[in-house]
């Protein structure tokens, strides 16, 4: 994967990584699965200026992936992942425009976000190594209302195991939807998974990313205009149990 084309400001020079083109100086640690038109990515960029984030699409359901370093100061990349080619191209073009617009600003804003066209439901572990991510965002995914379509939902026992694989212990999965049935589905499946525990509501509401997730996504703004409800739930990646002694 040529990450340097997505994050040129973080590209390693040839002396730092001889024979390794496409490398970047810090890893992506936030992923927005199904980033849509990139509203969350662009809102998070100035709030987490030293963190690399990636937006990405996930099959017929779409989401955005963002990554941070899990410490008090975020210091890596944000990524958006999107499967619809025309949408991912739009987000990529908008990010390039924002970078050019703010090229004279301190820190060269928006260098820490990118969008990638990919099918998260099939290829998520191909992009991230074990325990690489610190945050995963699943914002307003396709509810797939019909029972026969539930297997296409972005949250399931199988997919949750993949999220657990790429998420570091203590990392957070952020979910939001305006469909109560889907909210209950996601809560049930994450709570049933041994690698996750739900974040208490009091802690959830203190998280700055939750406020941004509610207000800055395109779907979130649409729900706000229609005076609809937004259902939020966060899930923390548990520590792996110790190996039994022989």
Protein backbone atom coordinates (compact mmCIF):
# COMPACT_ATOMS: atom_id res chain seq x y z
CA UNK A 1 0.00 0.00 0.00
CA UNK A 2 1.45 3.35 -1.08
CA UNK A 3 0.48 5.43 1.95
CA UNK A 4 2.75 8.29 0.90
CA UNK A 5 0.41 9.25 -1.94
CA UNK A 6 -2.40 9.66 0.61
CA UNK A 7 -0.31 11.50 3.21
CA UNK A 8 2.45 13.28 1.25
CA UNK A 9 3.37 15.52 4.20
CA UNK A 10 4.29 12.38 6.17
CA UNK A 11 6.18 10.57 3.39
CA UNK A 12 9.53 9.14 4.42
CA UNK A 13 12.51 10.25 2.35
CA UNK A 14 14.63 7.67 0.56
CA UNK A 15 17.40 7.87 3.14
CA UNK A 16 14.96 7.13 5.97
CA UNK A 17 13.43 4.15 4.21
CA UNK A 18 15.73 2.90 1.42
CA UNK A 19 14.00 0.48 -0.90
CA UNK A 20 10.64 1.08 0.79
CA UNK A 21 8.64 3.50 -1.36
CA UNK A 22 5.23 4.59 -0.11
CA UNK A 23 6.16 4.57 3.58
CA UNK A 24 5.00 7.26 6.00
CA UNK A 25 6.61 8.49 9.20
CA UNK A 26 3.70 7.57 11.48
CA UNK A 27 0.88 5.02 11.20
CA UNK A 28 -2.78 5.59 10.52
CA UNK A 29 -4.59 5.00 13.79
CA UNK A 30 -8.13 6.27 13.23
CA UNK A 31 -10.49 4.72 10.70
CA UNK A 32 -13.89 5.98 9.58
CA UNK A 33 -15.68 3.05 7.95
CA UNK A 34 -18.10 4.34 5.34
CA UNK A 35 -16.92 7.93 5.50
CA UNK A 36 -19.50 9.17 3.01
CA UNK A 37 -18.66 12.71 1.93
CA UNK A 38 -15.95 13.08 4.57
CA UNK A 39 -17.65 15.44 7.02
CA UNK A 40 -16.33 13.63 10.09
CA UNK A 41 -12.79 13.44 8.72
CA UNK A 42 -12.66 17.13 7.94
CA UNK A 43 -14.08 18.09 11.34
CA UNK A 44 -11.63 15.89 13.21
CA UNK A 45 -8.58 17.06 11.27
CA UNK A 46 -8.09 20.42 13.06
CA UNK A 47 -9.20 18.98 16.40
CA UNK A 48 -6.62 16.16 16.19
CA UNK A 49 -3.98 17.91 14.07
CA UNK A 50 -1.17 15.41 14.60
CA UNK A 51 -3.26 12.29 14.08
CA UNK A 52 -3.60 10.51 10.74
CA UNK A 53 -7.14 9.47 9.81
CA UNK A 54 -8.46 7.39 6.93
CA UNK A 55 -11.97 7.39 5.50
CA UNK A 56 -13.13 4.22 3.78
CA UNK A 57 -16.23 2.57 2.34
CA UNK A 58 -17.48 -0.82 3.47
CA UNK A 59 -19.37 -2.78 0.85
CA UNK A 60 -22.96 -1.64 0.42
CA UNK A 61 -22.81 -0.20 3.93
CA UNK A 62 -20.45 2.73 4.27
CA UNK A 63 -18.36 3.96 7.16
CA UNK A 64 -15.20 5.90 8.06
CA UNK A 65 -12.08 4.72 9.82
CA UNK A 66 -9.98 7.02 11.94
CA UNK A 67 -6.83 6.22 13.83
CA UNK A 68 -5.07 7.85 16.82
CA UNK A 69 -2.27 6.88 19.18
CA UNK A 70 -4.47 6.37 22.23
CA UNK A 71 -2.54 8.76 24.43
CA UNK A 72 -3.40 12.17 25.78
CA UNK A 73 -2.09 13.72 22.56
CA UNK A 74 -3.18 12.18 19.27
CA UNK A 75 -0.25 11.91 16.90
CA UNK A 76 -1.07 9.84 13.87
CA UNK A 77 -3.26 9.66 10.74
CA UNK A 78 -6.99 9.74 10.00
CA UNK A 79 -8.41 7.62 7.19
CA UNK A 80 -11.71 7.47 5.40
CA UNK A 81 -12.79 4.35 3.54
CA UNK A 82 -15.51 4.50 0.89
CA UNK A 83 -16.60 1.96 -1.76
CA UNK A 84 -18.51 4.25 -4.11
CA UNK A 85 -15.96 5.52 -6.63
CA UNK A 86 -17.65 8.87 -7.37
CA UNK A 87 -17.96 9.63 -3.65
CA UNK A 88 -14.39 8.65 -2.80
CA UNK A 89 -13.14 10.77 -5.73
CA UNK A 90 -15.16 13.73 -4.44
CA UNK A 91 -13.71 13.37 -0.93
CA UNK A 92 -10.17 13.01 -2.28
CA UNK A 93 -10.63 16.15 -4.40
CA UNK A 94 -12.05 18.10 -1.48
CA UNK A 95 -9.14 17.12 0.76
CA UNK A 96 -6.65 18.23 -1.90
CA UNK A 97 -8.48 21.57 -2.19
CA UNK A 98 -8.47 22.08 1.57
CA UNK A 99 -4.76 21.31 1.72
CA UNK A 100 -4.02 23.84 -1.02
CA UNK A 101 -6.27 26.44 0.59
CA UNK A 102 -4.51 26.16 3.94
CA UNK A 103 -1.00 25.53 2.61
CA UNK A 104 0.29 28.74 4.22
CA UNK A 105 -1.20 27.94 7.63
CA UNK A 106 0.89 26.61 10.56
CA UNK A 107 0.95 22.85 10.46
CA UNK A 108 -0.44 22.77 6.91
CA UNK A 109 -3.98 21.71 7.85
CA UNK A 110 -5.75 18.65 6.46
CA UNK A 111 -2.52 16.80 5.65
CA UNK A 112 -3.53 14.23 8.26
CA UNK A 113 -6.70 12.95 6.56
CA UNK A 114 -7.28 10.82 3.47
CA UNK A 115 -9.95 8.78 1.74
CA UNK A 116 -9.55 5.34 0.21
CA UNK A 117 -11.95 3.38 -1.99
CA UNK A 118 -12.13 -0.10 -0.50
CA UNK A 119 -14.50 -2.78 0.74
CA UNK A 120 -14.03 -2.86 4.49
CA UNK A 121 -16.29 -5.88 4.92
CA UNK A 122 -13.87 -7.96 2.84
CA UNK A 123 -10.44 -6.42 3.19
CA UNK A 124 -10.10 -4.55 6.50
CA UNK A 125 -7.16 -6.67 7.83
CA UNK A 126 -5.33 -6.10 4.53
CA UNK A 127 -4.91 -2.42 5.38
CA UNK A 128 -4.12 -2.50 9.10
CA UNK A 129 -1.91 -4.74 11.21
CA UNK A 130 -2.93 -6.19 14.54
CA UNK A 131 -3.63 -3.56 17.24
CA UNK A 132 -2.81 -0.67 14.89
CA UNK A 133 -5.98 1.36 15.30
CA UNK A 134 -7.02 3.37 18.33
CA UNK A 135 -10.43 4.51 17.11
CA UNK A 136 -12.95 3.12 14.64
CA UNK A 137 -16.02 5.15 13.64
CA UNK A 138 -19.19 3.55 12.28
CA UNK A 139 -21.49 6.48 11.54
CA UNK A 140 -25.03 6.04 10.26
CA UNK A 141 -24.45 2.71 8.49
CA UNK A 142 -27.00 1.25 6.08
CA UNK A 143 -29.65 -0.36 8.35
CA UNK A 144 -30.58 -3.09 5.84
CA UNK A 145 -34.09 -3.30 7.28
CA UNK A 146 -35.14 -6.62 5.69
CA UNK A 147 -34.20 -9.69 7.75
CA UNK A 148 -32.63 -11.39 4.74
CA UNK A 149 -30.31 -8.38 4.38
CA UNK A 150 -29.09 -8.37 7.98
CA UNK A 151 -26.01 -10.34 6.93
CA UNK A 152 -24.88 -7.21 5.06
CA UNK A 153 -24.86 -5.06 8.19
CA UNK A 154 -21.45 -3.68 9.05
CA UNK A 155 -21.70 -4.97 12.63
CA UNK A 156 -21.80 -8.74 13.11
CA UNK A 157 -20.05 -11.43 15.12
CA UNK A 158 -17.56 -12.03 12.30
CA UNK A 159 -16.82 -8.38 11.55
CA UNK A 160 -16.53 -7.54 15.24
CA UNK A 161 -13.69 -10.06 15.46
CA UNK A 162 -11.93 -8.21 12.65
CA UNK A 163 -12.42 -4.91 14.47
CA UNK A 164 -10.97 -6.50 17.59
CA UNK A 165 -7.95 -7.68 15.58
CA UNK A 166 -7.02 -4.26 14.17
CA UNK A 167 -7.97 -2.30 17.32
CA UNK A 168 -5.50 -1.98 20.16
CA UNK A 169 -6.57 -2.96 23.69
CA UNK A 170 -8.26 0.08 25.19
CA UNK A 171 -9.21 1.39 21.74
CA UNK A 172 -12.77 2.50 21.04
CA UNK A 173 -15.39 1.69 18.42
CA UNK A 174 -17.78 4.65 18.00
CA UNK A 175 -21.27 3.91 16.64
CA UNK A 176 -24.14 6.26 15.82
CA UNK A 177 -27.43 5.74 13.96
CA UNK A 178 -30.91 7.23 13.75
CA UNK A 179 -32.47 3.75 13.52
CA UNK A 180 -33.25 2.39 16.99
CA UNK A 181 -33.50 -1.22 15.81
CA UNK A 182 -30.02 -1.01 14.27
CA UNK A 183 -28.68 0.64 17.43
CA UNK A 184 -29.99 -2.28 19.51
CA UNK A 185 -28.50 -4.71 16.98
CA UNK A 186 -25.05 -3.13 17.26
CA UNK A 187 -25.21 -2.96 21.06
CA UNK A 188 -26.28 -6.61 21.28
CA UNK A 189 -23.54 -7.84 18.96
CA UNK A 190 -20.73 -5.84 20.54
CA UNK A 191 -21.76 -6.71 24.09
CA UNK A 192 -21.95 -10.39 23.11
CA UNK A 193 -18.39 -10.31 21.78
CA UNK A 194 -15.76 -11.25 24.39
CA UNK A 195 -13.29 -8.67 23.09
CA UNK A 196 -15.54 -5.66 23.77
CA UNK A 197 -17.23 -3.90 26.67
CA UNK A 198 -19.60 -0.95 26.45
CA UNK A 199 -18.28 2.44 27.54
CA UNK A 200 -20.41 3.97 30.33
CA UNK A 201 -22.64 6.83 29.18
CA UNK A 202 -21.03 9.35 31.55
CA UNK A 203 -17.60 8.65 30.04
CA UNK A 204 -19.09 8.59 26.54
CA UNK A 205 -20.53 12.10 26.86
CA UNK A 206 -17.16 13.54 27.91
CA UNK A 207 -15.50 12.31 24.71
CA UNK A 208 -14.98 15.24 22.30
CA UNK A 209 -15.21 12.87 19.34
CA UNK A 210 -18.81 12.00 20.26
CA UNK A 211 -19.95 15.62 19.92
CA UNK A 212 -18.21 15.90 16.54
CA UNK A 213 -19.70 12.60 15.38
CA UNK A 214 -23.21 13.79 16.28
CA UNK A 215 -22.94 17.16 14.52
CA UNK A 216 -20.47 17.00 11.64
CA UNK A 217 -21.43 14.00 9.51
CA UNK A 218 -23.75 14.64 6.58
CA UNK A 219 -26.29 12.13 7.91
CA UNK A 220 -26.08 13.65 11.38
CA UNK A 221 -26.92 17.09 9.98
CA UNK A 222 -29.83 15.60 8.02
CA UNK A 223 -31.24 13.93 11.14
CA UNK A 224 -30.85 17.25 13.00
CA UNK A 225 -32.83 19.10 10.34
CA UNK A 226 -35.58 16.48 10.50
CA UNK A 227 -35.56 16.62 14.33
CA UNK A 228 -34.85 12.91 14.53
CA UNK A 229 -33.13 10.91 17.26
CA UNK A 230 -29.50 9.88 17.28
CA UNK A 231 -28.50 6.72 19.11
CA UNK A 232 -24.86 6.56 20.23
CA UNK A 233 -22.90 3.70 21.75
CA UNK A 234 -19.16 3.26 22.33
CA UNK A 235 -17.35 -0.01 22.89
CA UNK A 236 -13.88 -0.47 24.37
CA UNK A 237 -11.51 -3.19 23.21
CA UNK A 238 -10.73 -5.37 26.23
CA UNK A 239 -7.23 -6.45 27.12
CA UNK A 240 -6.37 -9.86 25.72
CA UNK A 241 -6.48 -12.57 28.40
CA UNK A 242 -3.08 -13.95 29.39
CA UNK A 243 -1.95 -17.22 27.86
CA UNK A 244 -2.40 -20.13 30.27
CA UNK A 245 0.81 -21.28 31.89
CA UNK A 246 2.07 -24.67 30.78
